[in-house]
Amino acid sequence: MKAFLAAVTAMVVITAAAPYALNQIGFSAAENSSGSAVRLD
């Protein structure tokens, strides 16, 4: 039971922290889908 609770806790922490961590390292949809060759008409 302790292992299950530890796994659930780890999942919650990772799920909550992932968007912030990925944004800090520059892995976002906005940065990947735009660049200098984007047409803005």
C-alpha atoms as a PDB file:
ATOM      1  CA  MET A   1       0.000   0.000   0.000  1.00  0.00           C
ATOM      2  CA  LYS A   2       2.887   2.375   0.739  1.00  0.00           C
ATOM      3  CA  ALA A   3       4.322   1.849  -2.733  1.00  0.00           C
ATOM      4  CA  PHE A   4       0.968   2.629  -4.333  1.00  0.00           C
ATOM      5  CA  LEU A   5       0.582   5.852  -2.354  1.00  0.00           C
ATOM      6  CA  ALA A   6       4.151   6.857  -3.180  1.00  0.00           C
ATOM      7  CA  ALA A   7       3.492   6.249  -6.881  1.00  0.00           C
ATOM      8  CA  VAL A   8       0.281   8.276  -6.829  1.00  0.00           C
ATOM      9  CA  THR A   9       2.040  11.104  -4.994  1.00  0.00           C
ATOM     10  CA  ALA A  10       4.862  11.057  -7.537  1.00  0.00           C
ATOM     11  CA  MET A  11       2.358  11.184 -10.405  1.00  0.00           C
ATOM     12  CA  VAL A  12       0.606  14.190  -8.900  1.00  0.00           C
ATOM     13  CA  VAL A  13       3.878  16.049  -8.318  1.00  0.00           C
ATOM     14  CA  ILE A  14       5.171  15.323 -11.821  1.00  0.00           C
ATOM     15  CA  THR A  15       1.856  16.293 -13.405  1.00  0.00           C
ATOM     16  CA  ALA A  16       1.749  19.583 -11.525  1.00  0.00           C
ATOM     17  CA  ALA A  17       5.412  20.477 -12.135  1.00  0.00           C
ATOM     18  CA  ALA A  18       5.738  19.411 -15.792  1.00  0.00           C
ATOM     19  CA  PRO A  19       4.243  22.508 -17.453  1.00  0.00           C
ATOM     20  CA  TYR A  20       6.470  24.839 -15.439  1.00  0.00           C
ATOM     21  CA  ALA A  21       9.609  22.762 -16.007  1.00  0.00           C
ATOM     22  CA  LEU A  22       9.002  22.377 -19.748  1.00  0.00           C
ATOM     23  CA  ASN A  23       8.309  26.088 -20.111  1.00  0.00           C
ATOM     24  CA  GLN A  24      11.566  26.946 -18.316  1.00  0.00           C
ATOM     25  CA  ILE A  25      13.684  24.836 -20.682  1.00  0.00           C
ATOM     26  CA  GLY A  26      12.003  26.348 -23.744  1.00  0.00           C
ATOM     27  CA  PHE A  27       9.877  23.391 -24.771  1.00  0.00           C
ATOM     28  CA  SER A  28       6.586  25.056 -25.581  1.00  0.00           C
ATOM     29  CA  ALA A  29       4.229  24.886 -28.534  1.00  0.00           C
ATOM     30  CA  ALA A  30       4.608  28.615 -29.159  1.00  0.00           C
ATOM     31  CA  GLU A  31       8.385  28.376 -29.488  1.00  0.00           C
ATOM     32  CA  ASN A  32       8.317  25.212 -31.588  1.00  0.00           C
ATOM     33  CA  SER A  33       5.678  26.365 -34.075  1.00  0.00           C
ATOM     34  CA  SER A  34       6.944  29.887 -34.728  1.00  0.00           C
ATOM     35  CA  GLY A  35      10.145  31.178 -36.133  1.00  0.00           C
ATOM     36  CA  SER A  36      11.692  33.851 -38.277  1.00  0.00           C
ATOM     37  CA  ALA A  37       9.980  32.526 -41.447  1.00  0.00           C
ATOM     38  CA  VAL A  38       6.408  32.870 -40.175  1.00  0.00           C
ATOM     39  CA  ARG A  39       4.098  34.961 -42.354  1.00  0.00           C
ATOM     40  CA  LEU A  40       1.995  37.442 -40.422  1.00  0.00           C
ATOM     41  CA  ASP A  41      -0.537  38.838 -42.893  1.00  0.00           C
END
